[in-house]
Amino acid sequence: MLDVKRLRADFDAVKKALESRGEKLNEIDKFADLDVKRRSLLAESEQLKNKRNTVSEQIARLKKEKQKRR
């Protein structure tokens, strides 16, 4: 298994090392595009989690305020 950090840091050297071993490299060229897409989706996911947490806090606060008014 290849280390993702190493691929990000030195993609060309890893690719050349794999070529010298005679490995098939059909899919490795897609790595950069897929890694960018993955990072983008992770960032989007984190933003959505943050929004969910904020809304949950607001709902809890509003419920407490409503109970205090009674």
Protein backbone atom coordinates (compact mmCIF):
# COMPACT_ATOMS: atom_id res chain seq x y z
CA MET A 1 0.00 0.00 0.00
CA LEU A 2 1.23 3.46 -0.85
CA ASP A 3 1.40 6.22 1.72
CA VAL A 4 -0.89 9.09 0.75
CA LYS A 5 1.38 11.67 2.38
CA ARG A 6 4.33 10.43 0.37
CA LEU A 7 2.32 10.49 -2.84
CA ARG A 8 1.29 14.09 -2.16
CA ALA A 9 4.82 15.16 -1.31
CA ASP A 10 6.74 13.43 -4.09
CA PHE A 11 4.35 12.00 -6.66
CA ASP A 12 6.81 11.85 -9.55
CA ALA A 13 9.46 9.97 -7.57
CA VAL A 14 6.93 7.41 -6.33
CA LYS A 15 5.62 6.95 -9.86
CA LYS A 16 9.14 6.41 -11.22
CA ALA A 17 9.91 3.91 -8.46
CA LEU A 18 6.76 1.95 -9.29
CA GLU A 19 7.59 2.03 -13.00
CA SER A 20 11.07 0.66 -12.29
CA ARG A 21 9.44 -2.28 -10.46
CA GLY A 22 7.28 -2.99 -13.47
CA GLU A 23 4.04 -2.09 -11.70
CA LYS A 24 0.95 -1.23 -13.72
CA LEU A 25 0.20 2.49 -13.39
CA ASN A 26 -3.22 2.68 -15.02
CA GLU A 27 -4.92 4.33 -12.07
CA ILE A 28 -2.14 6.26 -10.33
CA ASP A 29 -2.43 9.25 -12.65
CA LYS A 30 -5.96 9.82 -11.33
CA PHE A 31 -4.59 10.26 -7.80
CA ALA A 32 -4.05 14.02 -7.93
CA ASP A 33 -7.56 14.77 -9.21
CA LEU A 34 -9.20 12.35 -6.79
CA ASP A 35 -7.18 13.70 -3.87
CA VAL A 36 -8.27 17.27 -4.63
CA LYS A 37 -11.88 16.12 -4.90
CA ARG A 38 -11.60 14.18 -1.62
CA ARG A 39 -10.18 17.18 0.22
CA SER A 40 -12.92 19.40 -1.16
CA LEU A 41 -15.61 16.96 -0.05
CA LEU A 42 -14.06 16.70 3.41
CA ALA A 43 -14.07 20.48 3.76
CA GLU A 44 -17.71 20.61 2.65
CA SER A 45 -18.59 17.86 5.10
CA GLU A 46 -16.94 19.73 7.96
CA GLN A 47 -18.83 22.90 7.07
CA LEU A 48 -22.11 21.03 7.07
CA LYS A 49 -21.32 19.44 10.44
CA ASN A 50 -20.52 22.86 11.85
CA LYS A 51 -23.80 24.24 10.52
CA ARG A 52 -25.70 21.28 12.02
CA ASN A 53 -24.09 21.86 15.41
CA THR A 54 -24.87 25.57 15.31
CA VAL A 55 -28.50 24.95 14.43
CA SER A 56 -28.79 22.27 17.14
CA GLU A 57 -27.49 24.75 19.71
CA GLN A 58 -29.98 27.37 18.54
CA ILE A 59 -32.85 24.90 18.79
CA ALA A 60 -31.84 23.89 22.31
CA ARG A 61 -31.58 27.56 23.35
CA LEU A 62 -35.00 28.39 21.89
CA LYS A 63 -36.60 25.41 23.64
CA LYS A 64 -35.16 26.56 26.98
CA GLU A 65 -36.45 30.10 26.40
CA LYS A 66 -39.90 28.79 25.57
CA GLN A 67 -39.98 26.68 28.77
CA LYS A 68 -38.93 29.68 30.87
CA ARG A 69 -41.80 31.77 29.47
CA ARG A 70 -44.43 29.32 30.69
